[in-house]
N, C-alpha and C. Protein backbone atom coordinates (compact mmCIF):
# COMPACT_ATOMS: atom_id res chain seq x y z
N MET A 1 6.92 -0.81 0.20
CA MET A 1 6.88 -1.81 0.76
C MET A 1 8.58 -2.39 0.92
N ASP A 2 9.18 -2.49 1.93
CA ASP A 2 10.56 -2.97 1.74
C ASP A 2 10.68 -4.32 1.80
N ILE A 3 11.79 -4.87 1.70
CA ILE A 3 11.83 -6.38 1.18
C ILE A 3 11.36 -7.32 2.58
N ILE A 4 12.04 -6.72 3.58
CA ILE A 4 11.64 -7.49 5.02
C ILE A 4 10.29 -7.53 5.21
N SER A 5 9.54 -6.15 5.41
CA SER A 5 8.07 -5.95 5.11
C SER A 5 7.63 -7.20 4.32
N PHE A 6 7.94 -6.96 3.10
CA PHE A 6 7.09 -8.11 1.93
C PHE A 6 7.20 -9.69 2.68
N VAL A 7 8.56 -9.89 3.18
CA VAL A 7 8.64 -11.31 3.61
C VAL A 7 7.72 -11.72 4.93
N VAL A 8 7.67 -10.86 5.48
CA VAL A 8 6.96 -10.75 6.97
C VAL A 8 5.27 -10.58 6.42
N PHE A 9 4.94 -9.96 5.51
CA PHE A 9 3.40 -9.96 5.15
C PHE A 9 3.08 -11.18 4.48
N THR A 10 3.95 -11.71 3.40
CA THR A 10 3.59 -13.25 2.72
C THR A 10 3.85 -14.34 3.61
N LEU A 11 4.26 -14.36 4.73
CA LEU A 11 4.31 -15.24 5.47
C LEU A 11 3.38 -15.55 6.64
N LYS A 12 2.90 -13.98 6.77
CA LYS A 12 1.88 -14.06 8.25
C LYS A 12 0.51 -14.31 7.68
N GLU A 13 0.27 -13.53 6.27
CA GLU A 13 -1.12 -13.66 5.74
C GLU A 13 -1.37 -15.25 5.43
N VAL A 14 -2.55 -15.81 5.74
CA VAL A 14 -2.74 -17.11 5.12
C VAL A 14 -3.24 -17.28 3.80
N ARG A 15 -3.81 -16.29 3.25
CA ARG A 15 -4.34 -16.30 2.05
C ARG A 15 -3.17 -16.06 1.19
N TYR A 16 -2.17 -15.32 1.44
CA TYR A 16 -1.11 -15.27 0.72
C TYR A 16 -0.18 -16.41 0.56
N VAL A 17 0.33 -17.05 1.63
CA VAL A 17 0.72 -18.03 1.84
C VAL A 17 0.31 -19.28 0.98
N LYS A 18 -1.02 -19.62 0.89
CA LYS A 18 -1.76 -20.51 0.27
C LYS A 18 -1.41 -20.11 -1.39
N ARG A 19 -1.29 -19.09 -1.90
CA ARG A 19 -0.83 -18.67 -3.26
C ARG A 19 0.37 -19.14 -3.77
N TRP A 20 1.35 -18.85 -3.05
CA TRP A 20 2.72 -18.91 -3.26
C TRP A 20 3.03 -20.52 -2.87
N VAL A 21 2.29 -21.33 -1.69
CA VAL A 21 2.75 -22.78 -1.71
C VAL A 21 2.17 -23.24 -3.02
N ALA A 22 1.11 -22.83 -3.39
CA ALA A 22 0.32 -23.81 -4.77
C ALA A 22 1.12 -23.56 -5.69
N ALA A 23 1.88 -22.33 -5.91
CA ALA A 23 2.76 -22.22 -7.21
C ALA A 23 4.05 -22.87 -7.01
N GLY A 24 4.47 -23.13 -5.68
CA GLY A 24 5.64 -23.91 -5.56
C GLY A 24 5.52 -25.20 -5.67
N ILE A 25 4.47 -26.00 -5.38
CA ILE A 25 4.12 -27.33 -5.51
C ILE A 25 4.16 -27.63 -6.95
N ILE A 26 3.99 -26.90 -7.75
CA ILE A 26 4.20 -27.27 -9.54
C ILE A 26 5.32 -27.01 -10.09
N LEU A 27 6.28 -26.14 -9.34
CA LEU A 27 7.15 -25.46 -9.98
C LEU A 27 7.98 -26.28 -11.01
N PHE A 28 8.27 -27.70 -10.10
CA PHE A 28 9.41 -28.33 -11.22
C PHE A 28 8.50 -29.32 -12.01
N ILE A 29 7.19 -29.08 -12.31
CA ILE A 29 6.32 -30.00 -13.08
C ILE A 29 6.14 -29.50 -14.67
N PRO A 30 7.13 -30.05 -15.78
CA PRO A 30 7.32 -29.35 -16.80
C PRO A 30 5.98 -28.99 -17.25
N GLY A 31 5.53 -27.51 -18.16
CA GLY A 31 4.43 -27.44 -18.94
C GLY A 31 3.55 -26.62 -17.56
N ILE A 32 3.25 -27.66 -16.68
CA ILE A 32 2.32 -26.99 -15.65
C ILE A 32 2.89 -25.78 -15.01
N ASN A 33 4.21 -25.73 -14.73
CA ASN A 33 4.86 -24.96 -14.10
C ASN A 33 5.00 -23.56 -14.82
N PHE A 34 4.78 -23.37 -15.83
CA PHE A 34 4.44 -21.96 -16.51
C PHE A 34 3.40 -21.34 -15.79
N PHE A 35 2.41 -21.81 -15.13
CA PHE A 35 1.66 -21.10 -14.23
C PHE A 35 2.13 -20.71 -13.21
N SER A 36 3.39 -21.14 -12.62
CA SER A 36 4.23 -20.82 -11.59
C SER A 36 4.96 -19.56 -11.80
N LEU A 37 5.32 -19.84 -13.13
CA LEU A 37 6.24 -18.62 -13.80
C LEU A 37 5.43 -17.45 -13.89
N GLY A 38 4.30 -17.78 -14.50
CA GLY A 38 3.54 -16.57 -14.65
C GLY A 38 2.96 -16.03 -13.38
N TYR A 39 2.67 -16.45 -12.42
CA TYR A 39 2.27 -16.01 -11.05
C TYR A 39 3.72 -15.03 -10.83
N LEU A 40 4.75 -15.25 -11.18
CA LEU A 40 5.91 -14.23 -10.64
C LEU A 40 5.72 -13.50 -11.92
N SER A 41 5.76 -13.53 -12.88
CA SER A 41 5.21 -12.15 -13.89
C SER A 41 4.61 -11.13 -13.29
N ARG A 42 3.09 -11.70 -12.96
CA ARG A 42 2.02 -11.14 -12.63
C ARG A 42 2.34 -10.53 -10.85
N SER A 43 3.12 -10.89 -10.26
CA SER A 43 3.72 -10.42 -8.76
C SER A 43 4.72 -9.16 -9.34
N ALA A 44 5.47 -9.24 -10.19
CA ALA A 44 6.26 -8.36 -10.52
C ALA A 44 5.80 -7.17 -11.10
N GLY A 45 4.53 -7.19 -12.03
CA GLY A 45 3.88 -6.29 -12.23
C GLY A 45 3.15 -5.58 -11.19
N LEU A 46 2.68 -6.27 -10.32
CA LEU A 46 2.07 -5.73 -8.98
C LEU A 46 2.95 -4.59 -8.47
N ALA A 47 4.25 -5.39 -8.51
CA ALA A 47 5.19 -4.64 -7.20
C ALA A 47 5.65 -3.41 -8.03
N MET A 48 5.70 -3.42 -9.69
CA MET A 48 6.24 -2.30 -10.04
C MET A 48 5.08 -1.26 -10.02
N ILE A 49 3.91 -1.48 -9.77
CA ILE A 49 3.00 -0.07 -9.80
C ILE A 49 2.54 0.12 -8.36
N GLY A 50 3.61 -0.31 -7.52
CA GLY A 50 3.22 -0.16 -5.88
C GLY A 50 2.37 -0.67 -5.25
N GLY A 51 1.72 -1.87 -5.92
CA GLY A 51 0.70 -2.73 -5.32
C GLY A 51 1.34 -3.46 -3.90
N ILE A 52 0.20 -4.13 -3.07
CA ILE A 52 0.55 -4.64 -1.86
C ILE A 52 0.20 -5.73 -1.81
N GLY A 53 0.79 -6.77 -1.47
CA GLY A 53 0.57 -8.27 -1.33
C GLY A 53 1.24 -8.84 -2.45
N LEU A 54 0.08 -9.84 -2.93
CA LEU A 54 0.27 -10.76 -3.88
C LEU A 54 -0.81 -10.95 -5.01
N PRO A 55 -0.79 -11.26 -6.21
CA PRO A 55 -1.97 -11.05 -7.14
C PRO A 55 -2.60 -12.41 -6.89
N THR A 56 -3.91 -12.46 -7.48
CA THR A 56 -4.87 -13.66 -7.29
C THR A 56 -4.49 -14.39 -8.38
N TRP A 57 -5.21 -15.78 -8.47
CA TRP A 57 -4.50 -16.58 -9.74
C TRP A 57 -5.83 -16.70 -10.62
N GLU A 58 -6.47 -15.28 -10.91
CA GLU A 58 -7.72 -15.63 -11.89
C GLU A 58 -6.95 -15.31 -13.13
N ARG A 59 -7.76 -15.40 -14.13
CA ARG A 59 -7.57 -15.57 -15.47
C ARG A 59 -6.25 -16.44 -15.70
N LYS A 60 -6.45 -17.58 -15.48
CA LYS A 60 -5.03 -18.65 -15.64
C LYS A 60 -4.69 -18.97 -17.06
N ASN A 61 -5.45 -18.76 -18.12
CA ASN A 61 -5.14 -18.93 -19.46
C ASN A 61 -3.93 -17.84 -19.39
N GLU A 62 -4.31 -16.45 -19.11
CA GLU A 62 -3.32 -15.43 -19.29
C GLU A 62 -1.94 -15.81 -18.50
N LEU A 63 -2.27 -16.47 -17.06
CA LEU A 63 -1.08 -16.49 -16.32
C LEU A 63 -0.36 -17.62 -17.18
N TRP A 64 -0.44 -18.66 -17.74
CA TRP A 64 0.15 -19.80 -18.35
C TRP A 64 0.85 -18.91 -19.37
N ARG A 65 0.27 -17.79 -20.23
CA ARG A 65 1.01 -17.34 -21.60
C ARG A 65 2.01 -16.30 -20.87
N GLU A 66 1.66 -15.77 -19.69
CA GLU A 66 2.64 -15.15 -19.20
C GLU A 66 4.06 -15.82 -18.72
N GLY A 67 3.98 -17.13 -18.41
CA GLY A 67 5.10 -17.73 -17.89
C GLY A 67 5.84 -18.33 -18.83
N ALA A 68 5.15 -18.99 -19.95
CA ALA A 68 5.80 -18.94 -21.36
C ALA A 68 6.36 -18.19 -21.63
N LYS A 69 6.12 -16.94 -21.93
CA LYS A 69 7.12 -15.62 -22.11
C LYS A 69 8.47 -15.61 -21.45
N LEU A 70 8.41 -16.00 -20.06
CA LEU A 70 9.72 -15.93 -19.25
C LEU A 70 10.41 -16.91 -19.59
N VAL A 71 9.64 -18.26 -20.01
CA VAL A 71 10.57 -19.40 -19.95
C VAL A 71 11.37 -18.88 -21.64
N TYR A 72 10.55 -18.18 -22.65
CA TYR A 72 11.14 -17.81 -23.74
C TYR A 72 12.33 -16.97 -23.65
N VAL A 73 12.18 -16.02 -22.86
CA VAL A 73 13.21 -15.18 -22.46
C VAL A 73 14.41 -15.88 -21.86
N ALA A 74 14.07 -16.72 -20.99
CA ALA A 74 15.32 -17.54 -20.35
C ALA A 74 15.82 -18.48 -21.34
N ILE A 75 15.13 -18.86 -22.11
CA ILE A 75 15.97 -19.94 -22.89
C ILE A 75 16.90 -19.18 -24.47
N LEU A 76 16.16 -17.67 -24.54
CA LEU A 76 17.24 -17.13 -25.66
C LEU A 76 18.49 -16.45 -24.89
N TYR A 77 18.33 -16.23 -23.51
CA TYR A 77 19.40 -15.72 -22.70
C TYR A 77 20.58 -16.77 -22.55
N GLU A 78 19.92 -17.86 -22.59
CA GLU A 78 20.75 -19.01 -22.20
C GLU A 78 21.42 -19.67 -23.60
N ALA A 79 20.84 -19.17 -24.77
CA ALA A 79 21.20 -19.72 -25.87
C ALA A 79 22.66 -20.19 -26.26
N LEU A 80 23.49 -19.09 -26.04
CA LEU A 80 24.94 -19.17 -26.34
C LEU A 80 25.53 -20.14 -25.20
N PRO A 81 25.37 -20.22 -24.16
CA PRO A 81 25.96 -21.25 -23.31
C PRO A 81 25.54 -22.52 -23.65
N CYS A 82 24.26 -22.79 -23.76
CA CYS A 82 23.94 -24.08 -24.29
C CYS A 82 24.43 -24.47 -25.48
N PHE A 83 24.70 -23.88 -26.39
CA PHE A 83 25.50 -24.18 -27.72
C PHE A 83 26.88 -24.26 -27.22
N LEU A 84 27.71 -23.48 -26.62
CA LEU A 84 28.98 -23.90 -26.16
C LEU A 84 29.20 -25.51 -25.46
N PHE A 85 28.23 -25.69 -24.44
CA PHE A 85 28.19 -26.63 -24.03
C PHE A 85 28.22 -27.63 -24.88
N SER A 86 27.16 -27.56 -25.64
CA SER A 86 26.93 -29.02 -26.64
C SER A 86 28.03 -29.06 -27.73
N PHE A 87 28.44 -27.88 -27.92
CA PHE A 87 29.82 -27.94 -28.89
C PHE A 87 31.15 -29.07 -28.19
N SER A 88 31.05 -28.38 -27.04
CA SER A 88 32.40 -28.84 -26.28
C SER A 88 32.06 -30.53 -25.86
N PHE A 89 30.79 -31.12 -25.72
CA PHE A 89 30.99 -32.41 -25.68
C PHE A 89 30.99 -33.08 -26.75
N LEU A 90 30.45 -32.33 -28.22
CA LEU A 90 30.77 -32.75 -29.38
C LEU A 90 32.46 -33.17 -29.84
N LEU A 91 33.08 -31.81 -29.31
CA LEU A 91 34.38 -32.31 -29.62
C LEU A 91 35.22 -33.29 -28.67
N SER A 92 34.69 -33.03 -27.48
CA SER A 92 35.32 -34.28 -26.55
C SER A 92 35.06 -35.54 -27.05
N SER A 93 34.10 -35.75 -27.64
CA SER A 93 33.61 -37.24 -28.18
C SER A 93 34.57 -37.68 -29.21
N PHE A 94 35.06 -37.03 -30.03
CA PHE A 94 36.05 -37.37 -31.09
C PHE A 94 37.25 -38.11 -30.37
N GLY A 95 37.87 -37.65 -29.18
CA GLY A 95 38.62 -38.52 -28.55
C GLY A 95 40.00 -38.14 -28.83
N ASN A 96 40.44 -37.23 -30.09
CA ASN A 96 41.30 -36.91 -30.39
C ASN A 96 41.95 -35.77 -29.15
N VAL A 97 43.22 -35.76 -29.27
CA VAL A 97 44.00 -34.91 -28.25
C VAL A 97 43.75 -33.55 -28.51
N ILE A 98 43.65 -33.02 -29.46
CA ILE A 98 43.44 -31.85 -29.71
C ILE A 98 42.21 -31.27 -29.48
N THR A 99 41.11 -31.96 -30.15
CA THR A 99 39.56 -31.76 -29.99
C THR A 99 39.17 -31.87 -28.33
N VAL A 100 39.96 -32.45 -27.77
CA VAL A 100 39.35 -32.78 -26.01
C VAL A 100 40.16 -31.50 -25.72
N PHE A 101 41.35 -31.29 -25.93
CA PHE A 101 41.47 -29.67 -25.38
C PHE A 101 40.71 -28.84 -25.71
N ILE A 102 40.46 -28.58 -26.97
CA ILE A 102 39.69 -27.50 -27.37
C ILE A 102 38.08 -27.70 -26.65
N GLY A 103 37.71 -28.97 -26.69
CA GLY A 103 36.32 -28.93 -25.99
C GLY A 103 36.26 -28.66 -24.35
N ALA A 104 37.53 -28.71 -23.76
CA ALA A 104 37.39 -28.47 -22.66
C ALA A 104 37.66 -27.02 -22.52
N VAL A 105 38.35 -26.31 -23.60
CA VAL A 105 38.55 -24.63 -23.39
C VAL A 105 37.17 -24.32 -23.65
N MET A 106 36.10 -24.79 -24.60
CA MET A 106 34.94 -24.59 -24.85
C MET A 106 34.02 -24.77 -23.66
N LYS A 107 34.23 -25.81 -22.55
CA LYS A 107 33.31 -26.08 -21.68
C LYS A 107 33.99 -24.95 -20.45
N VAL A 108 34.82 -24.40 -20.53
CA VAL A 108 34.95 -23.33 -19.67
C VAL A 108 34.50 -21.90 -20.04
N LEU A 109 34.44 -21.72 -21.55
CA LEU A 109 33.83 -20.60 -21.92
C LEU A 109 32.23 -20.76 -21.89
N ALA A 110 31.76 -21.98 -21.80
CA ALA A 110 30.14 -21.87 -21.73
C ALA A 110 29.72 -21.54 -20.28
N VAL A 111 30.61 -22.29 -19.24
CA VAL A 111 30.34 -22.03 -18.08
C VAL A 111 30.45 -20.03 -17.61
N LEU A 112 31.24 -19.67 -18.27
CA LEU A 112 31.52 -18.28 -18.34
C LEU A 112 30.35 -17.47 -18.75
N ALA A 113 29.97 -17.85 -19.90
CA ALA A 113 28.80 -17.31 -20.70
C ALA A 113 27.55 -17.48 -19.91
N PHE A 114 27.31 -18.74 -19.13
CA PHE A 114 26.27 -19.19 -18.40
C PHE A 114 25.99 -18.21 -17.45
N ILE A 115 27.00 -17.91 -16.56
CA ILE A 115 27.21 -16.98 -15.60
C ILE A 115 26.93 -15.53 -15.89
N PHE A 116 27.64 -15.24 -17.05
CA PHE A 116 27.40 -13.76 -17.52
C PHE A 116 26.01 -13.54 -18.18
N CYS A 117 25.35 -14.26 -18.62
CA CYS A 117 24.13 -14.36 -19.29
C CYS A 117 23.14 -14.27 -18.12
N SER A 118 23.27 -15.21 -17.25
CA SER A 118 22.23 -15.23 -16.09
C SER A 118 22.28 -14.07 -15.41
N PHE A 119 23.40 -13.41 -15.39
CA PHE A 119 23.32 -12.41 -14.46
C PHE A 119 22.21 -11.26 -14.88
N PHE A 120 22.01 -11.01 -15.83
CA PHE A 120 21.39 -10.01 -16.28
C PHE A 120 19.70 -10.25 -16.46
N ILE A 121 19.48 -11.64 -16.24
CA ILE A 121 18.15 -12.15 -16.39
C ILE A 121 17.04 -11.34 -15.44
N PRO A 122 17.31 -11.49 -14.20
CA PRO A 122 16.29 -10.57 -13.36
C PRO A 122 15.59 -9.06 -14.02
N PHE A 123 16.73 -8.43 -14.68
CA PHE A 123 16.27 -7.09 -15.02
C PHE A 123 15.60 -7.43 -16.49
N ALA A 124 16.13 -8.46 -17.16
CA ALA A 124 15.39 -8.65 -18.36
C ALA A 124 14.01 -9.16 -18.09
N PHE A 125 13.78 -9.71 -17.34
CA PHE A 125 12.44 -10.23 -16.70
C PHE A 125 11.37 -8.84 -16.51
N CYS A 126 12.19 -8.20 -15.64
CA CYS A 126 11.46 -7.01 -15.42
C CYS A 126 11.13 -5.94 -16.49
N ALA A 127 11.98 -6.00 -17.39
CA ALA A 127 11.81 -4.99 -18.74
C ALA A 127 10.44 -5.85 -19.24
N ALA A 128 10.53 -7.11 -19.59
CA ALA A 128 9.49 -7.72 -20.45
C ALA A 128 8.02 -7.47 -19.74
N VAL A 129 8.00 -7.56 -18.51
CA VAL A 129 7.08 -7.59 -17.45
C VAL A 129 6.47 -5.83 -17.78
N GLN A 130 7.28 -5.29 -17.53
CA GLN A 130 6.97 -3.67 -17.26
C GLN A 130 6.39 -3.10 -18.96
N ASN A 131 7.23 -3.69 -19.61
CA ASN A 131 6.84 -3.56 -21.22
C ASN A 131 5.62 -4.30 -21.65
N THR A 132 5.12 -5.32 -21.17
CA THR A 132 4.18 -6.31 -21.48
C THR A 132 4.58 -6.78 -22.92
N ASP A 133 5.90 -7.03 -23.02
CA ASP A 133 6.49 -7.35 -24.29
C ASP A 133 7.66 -8.11 -24.33
N VAL A 134 7.80 -9.17 -24.88
CA VAL A 134 9.11 -9.79 -24.41
C VAL A 134 10.39 -9.05 -25.31
N ARG A 135 9.74 -8.19 -25.97
CA ARG A 135 10.95 -7.96 -26.92
C ARG A 135 11.66 -6.70 -25.86
N GLY A 136 11.13 -5.92 -24.71
CA GLY A 136 11.99 -5.25 -23.71
C GLY A 136 12.85 -5.91 -23.36
N ALA A 137 13.01 -7.37 -23.07
CA ALA A 137 13.91 -7.81 -22.69
C ALA A 137 15.20 -8.24 -23.21
N PHE A 138 15.21 -7.97 -24.43
CA PHE A 138 16.29 -8.04 -24.99
C PHE A 138 17.05 -6.68 -25.68
N GLU A 139 16.66 -5.53 -24.78
CA GLU A 139 17.12 -4.26 -25.27
C GLU A 139 18.45 -4.44 -24.26
N PHE A 140 19.55 -5.28 -24.55
CA PHE A 140 20.40 -5.71 -23.68
C PHE A 140 21.46 -4.37 -23.21
N GLU A 141 21.49 -3.59 -24.06
CA GLU A 141 22.50 -2.15 -23.80
C GLU A 141 21.96 -1.30 -22.60
N ARG A 142 20.49 -1.17 -22.80
CA ARG A 142 19.72 -0.50 -21.92
C ARG A 142 19.52 -1.54 -20.67
N ILE A 143 19.31 -2.78 -20.58
CA ILE A 143 19.24 -3.59 -19.28
C ILE A 143 20.79 -3.49 -18.64
N ALA A 144 21.82 -3.41 -19.64
CA ALA A 144 23.09 -3.62 -19.03
C ALA A 144 23.15 -2.15 -18.07
N GLY A 145 22.86 -0.76 -18.79
CA GLY A 145 22.79 0.48 -18.17
C GLY A 145 22.09 0.25 -16.98
N ALA A 146 20.81 -0.26 -16.94
CA ALA A 146 20.10 0.10 -15.77
C ALA A 146 20.62 -1.03 -14.35
N VAL A 147 21.27 -2.03 -14.87
CA VAL A 147 22.00 -2.68 -13.68
C VAL A 147 23.10 -2.16 -13.09
N LYS A 148 23.99 -1.23 -13.93
CA LYS A 148 24.98 -0.56 -13.79
C LYS A 148 24.65 0.58 -12.72
N GLU A 149 23.40 1.19 -12.84
CA GLU A 149 23.18 2.14 -11.92
C GLU A 149 22.69 1.70 -10.61
N VAL A 150 22.25 0.72 -10.21
CA VAL A 150 22.01 0.17 -9.08
C VAL A 150 22.92 -1.05 -8.60
N LEU A 151 24.12 -1.44 -9.22
CA LEU A 151 24.98 -2.36 -9.14
C LEU A 151 25.45 -2.96 -7.90
N PRO A 152 25.52 -2.02 -6.74
CA PRO A 152 25.79 -2.49 -5.28
C PRO A 152 24.47 -3.59 -5.14
N ALA A 153 23.33 -3.28 -4.95
CA ALA A 153 22.13 -3.54 -4.78
C ALA A 153 21.93 -4.77 -5.52
N TYR A 154 22.02 -4.62 -6.99
CA TYR A 154 21.76 -5.70 -7.59
C TYR A 154 22.65 -6.90 -7.39
N LEU A 155 24.12 -6.75 -7.17
CA LEU A 155 24.95 -7.73 -6.72
C LEU A 155 24.69 -8.45 -5.68
N ALA A 156 24.31 -7.77 -4.55
CA ALA A 156 23.92 -8.23 -3.15
C ALA A 156 22.70 -9.13 -3.55
N GLY A 157 21.64 -8.53 -3.89
CA GLY A 157 20.46 -9.21 -4.21
C GLY A 157 20.43 -10.54 -5.11
N TYR A 158 21.47 -10.49 -6.05
CA TYR A 158 21.80 -11.55 -6.90
C TYR A 158 22.53 -12.79 -6.24
N ALA A 159 23.49 -12.13 -5.49
CA ALA A 159 24.35 -13.27 -4.79
C ALA A 159 23.52 -14.13 -3.80
N LEU A 160 22.48 -13.35 -2.95
CA LEU A 160 21.58 -13.87 -1.86
C LEU A 160 20.92 -14.89 -2.50
N ALA A 161 20.40 -14.48 -3.64
CA ALA A 161 19.29 -15.25 -4.34
C ALA A 161 19.76 -16.23 -4.93
N VAL A 162 21.04 -16.57 -5.57
CA VAL A 162 21.58 -17.53 -5.84
C VAL A 162 22.05 -18.59 -4.60
N PHE A 163 22.39 -18.29 -3.61
CA PHE A 163 22.76 -19.16 -2.28
C PHE A 163 21.60 -19.67 -1.67
N CYS A 164 20.45 -18.74 -1.84
CA CYS A 164 19.37 -19.23 -1.14
C CYS A 164 18.42 -20.36 -1.82
N ILE A 165 18.55 -20.05 -3.27
CA ILE A 165 17.79 -20.98 -4.40
C ILE A 165 18.78 -22.43 -4.37
N TYR A 166 20.36 -22.29 -4.28
CA TYR A 166 20.73 -23.28 -4.04
C TYR A 166 20.57 -24.21 -2.82
N ALA A 167 20.67 -23.31 -1.74
CA ALA A 167 20.30 -24.05 -0.37
C ALA A 167 19.02 -24.90 -0.33
N ALA A 168 17.89 -24.21 -0.95
CA ALA A 168 16.37 -24.57 -0.82
C ALA A 168 16.35 -25.61 -1.80
N PHE A 169 17.37 -25.74 -2.87
CA PHE A 169 17.03 -27.04 -4.02
C PHE A 169 17.91 -28.39 -3.35
N THR A 170 18.96 -27.91 -2.29
CA THR A 170 19.50 -29.43 -1.87
C THR A 170 18.67 -30.09 -0.95
N LEU A 171 17.66 -29.48 -0.28
CA LEU A 171 16.39 -30.04 0.10
C LEU A 171 15.71 -31.44 -0.67
N HIS A 172 16.01 -31.25 -1.80
CA HIS A 172 15.60 -32.52 -2.42
C HIS A 172 16.15 -33.85 -2.18
N VAL A 173 16.98 -34.05 -1.41
CA VAL A 173 17.72 -35.13 -1.07
C VAL A 173 17.17 -35.58 0.27
N ILE A 174 16.19 -35.17 0.78
CA ILE A 174 15.28 -35.70 1.75
C ILE A 174 14.47 -36.66 1.27
N PRO A 175 14.25 -38.04 2.00
CA PRO A 175 13.73 -39.23 1.37
C PRO A 175 12.20 -38.98 0.89
N TYR A 176 11.90 -40.03 -0.03
CA TYR A 176 10.35 -39.79 -0.32
C TYR A 176 10.00 -38.42 -1.26
N LEU A 177 8.75 -37.95 -0.97
CA LEU A 177 8.17 -36.86 -1.67
C LEU A 177 8.20 -35.69 -0.72
N ILE A 178 9.13 -35.95 0.37
CA ILE A 178 8.92 -34.69 1.44
C ILE A 178 10.11 -33.76 1.08
N GLY A 179 11.23 -34.28 0.78
CA GLY A 179 12.52 -33.50 0.23
C GLY A 179 11.92 -32.46 -0.96
N PHE A 180 11.30 -33.47 -1.99
CA PHE A 180 10.94 -32.74 -3.33
C PHE A 180 9.57 -31.56 -3.02
N ALA A 181 8.88 -31.49 -2.25
CA ALA A 181 7.81 -30.85 -1.94
C ALA A 181 8.54 -29.52 -1.27
N LEU A 182 9.31 -29.84 -0.23
CA LEU A 182 9.97 -28.81 0.62
C LEU A 182 10.97 -27.95 -0.73
N SER A 183 11.63 -28.71 -1.19
CA SER A 183 12.53 -28.11 -2.06
C SER A 183 12.02 -27.28 -3.39
N SER A 184 10.88 -27.76 -3.71
CA SER A 184 9.84 -26.84 -4.69
C SER A 184 9.38 -25.86 -4.19
N ILE A 185 8.90 -25.84 -3.06
CA ILE A 185 8.07 -24.75 -2.50
C ILE A 185 9.31 -23.57 -1.98
N LEU A 186 10.10 -24.06 -1.38
CA LEU A 186 11.04 -23.01 -0.76
C LEU A 186 11.95 -22.35 -1.65
N THR A 187 12.27 -23.11 -3.03
CA THR A 187 12.84 -22.37 -3.86
C THR A 187 12.01 -21.31 -4.77
N TYR A 188 10.53 -21.79 -4.47
CA TYR A 188 9.73 -20.97 -5.48
C TYR A 188 9.42 -19.49 -4.47
N TYR A 189 9.36 -19.94 -3.04
CA TYR A 189 9.39 -18.86 -2.40
C TYR A 189 10.75 -17.47 -2.66
N VAL A 190 11.88 -18.32 -2.58
CA VAL A 190 12.98 -17.49 -2.87
C VAL A 190 13.06 -16.63 -4.19
N LEU A 191 12.49 -17.51 -5.30
CA LEU A 191 12.40 -16.67 -6.36
C LEU A 191 11.04 -15.56 -6.38
N LEU A 192 9.99 -15.72 -5.39
CA LEU A 192 9.22 -14.89 -5.28
C LEU A 192 9.52 -13.42 -4.53
N VAL A 193 10.28 -13.78 -3.62
CA VAL A 193 10.74 -12.83 -2.78
C VAL A 193 12.13 -11.78 -3.86
N SER A 194 12.71 -12.51 -4.47
CA SER A 194 13.95 -12.02 -5.47
C SER A 194 13.04 -11.50 -6.40
N THR A 195 11.85 -11.83 -6.91
CA THR A 195 11.05 -11.15 -8.16
C THR A 195 10.68 -9.80 -7.43
N TYR A 196 9.99 -9.72 -6.09
CA TYR A 196 9.86 -8.57 -5.49
C TYR A 196 10.99 -7.44 -5.25
N TYR A 197 12.36 -8.10 -4.83
CA TYR A 197 13.27 -7.04 -4.59
C TYR A 197 13.75 -6.68 -5.99
N PHE A 198 14.02 -7.39 -7.08
CA PHE A 198 14.40 -7.13 -8.37
C PHE A 198 13.50 -6.01 -8.78
N SER A 199 12.47 -6.31 -8.84
CA SER A 199 11.40 -5.27 -9.47
C SER A 199 11.26 -4.17 -8.56
N GLN A 200 11.54 -3.87 -7.27
CA GLN A 200 11.63 -2.55 -6.43
C GLN A 200 12.68 -1.87 -6.96
N ILE A 201 14.05 -2.63 -7.19
CA ILE A 201 15.25 -1.63 -7.59
C ILE A 201 15.13 -1.46 -9.02
N PHE A 202 14.58 -1.95 -9.67
CA PHE A 202 14.00 -1.72 -11.41
C PHE A 202 13.51 -0.44 -11.56
N ARG A 203 12.37 -0.35 -10.61
CA ARG A 203 11.60 0.74 -10.28
C ARG A 203 12.39 2.10 -10.30
N GLY A 204 13.71 2.44 -9.97
CA GLY A 204 14.41 3.25 -9.40
C GLY A 204 15.46 3.51 -10.93
N THR A 205 15.32 2.75 -11.84
CA THR A 205 16.49 2.97 -12.78
C THR A 205 15.75 3.91 -13.98
N SER A 206 16.51 4.35 -14.94
CA SER A 206 16.19 5.27 -15.82
C SER A 206 15.66 4.40 -16.88
N LEU A 207 15.59 3.10 -16.91
CA LEU A 207 15.08 1.92 -17.97
C LEU A 207 13.62 2.04 -17.74
N SER A 208 13.28 1.94 -16.33
CA SER A 208 11.94 1.78 -15.79
C SER A 208 11.20 3.46 -16.09
N ALA A 209 11.98 4.38 -15.86
CA ALA A 209 11.57 5.71 -15.93
C ALA A 209 11.12 5.95 -17.48
N ARG A 210 11.90 5.40 -18.26
CA ARG A 210 12.05 5.81 -20.04
C ARG A 210 10.83 4.73 -20.27
N THR A 211 10.32 3.85 -19.80
CA THR A 211 9.46 3.14 -20.30
C THR A 211 8.02 4.01 -19.77
N LEU A 212 7.80 4.08 -18.54
CA LEU A 212 6.96 4.60 -17.94
C LEU A 212 6.64 5.91 -18.79
N HIS A 213 7.39 6.70 -19.06
CA HIS A 213 7.42 7.91 -20.09
C HIS A 213 7.07 7.66 -21.32
N GLN A 214 7.26 6.64 -22.02
CA GLN A 214 6.61 6.59 -22.96
C GLN A 214 5.03 5.93 -23.10
N GLU A 215 5.13 5.07 -22.03
CA GLU A 215 3.33 4.53 -21.96
C GLU A 215 2.55 5.90 -21.74
N GLY A 216 3.20 7.04 -20.85
CA GLY A 216 2.25 8.04 -20.60
C GLY A 216 2.12 9.10 -21.80
N GLY A 217 3.20 9.12 -22.28
CA GLY A 217 3.42 10.06 -23.96
C GLY A 217 2.29 9.16 -24.65
């Protein structure tokens, strides 16, 4: 199933719409949103084995743990930019001309580090899901190699996903809870479609083939 067929399928089938809408409603609720992220993980796992449609919400305890693993991966990937941001604010707070300048430089480095680290997260998630082990997400050299193998498709998907997430997130400015709900649900749907897309191109990389070979061996 290609990406367009997946979008049509998940918007047409009422039972699937209910599943991702439910996940979207709780996306921005701390702690509870682990269920939503776990559902992304389960969806990626289904896509990697060629499954059609979306997974169920069964075994919610496992779903929450899977979501917590993805949060753990994201936190470690963004540890360096977060440290640089914190350090830049600390230096700027001293008020000295030199420390303010160094703080500004550190802030620029933090932004660059955030962009760089975030770029590899989609395949890091895929590696963690396929390995059923978060350690797979930190084989950075192999993940970077896999990205390089499908770089044009990866770049296009990443850029479109970032744009759509930003557009969906801006809907929160709509008054009352309407904007919040719409933003949350649409942001989640973009994440869901992106998860499917990256899972599909990940399947065509040597990293995926290597993992499958090890499991088969």
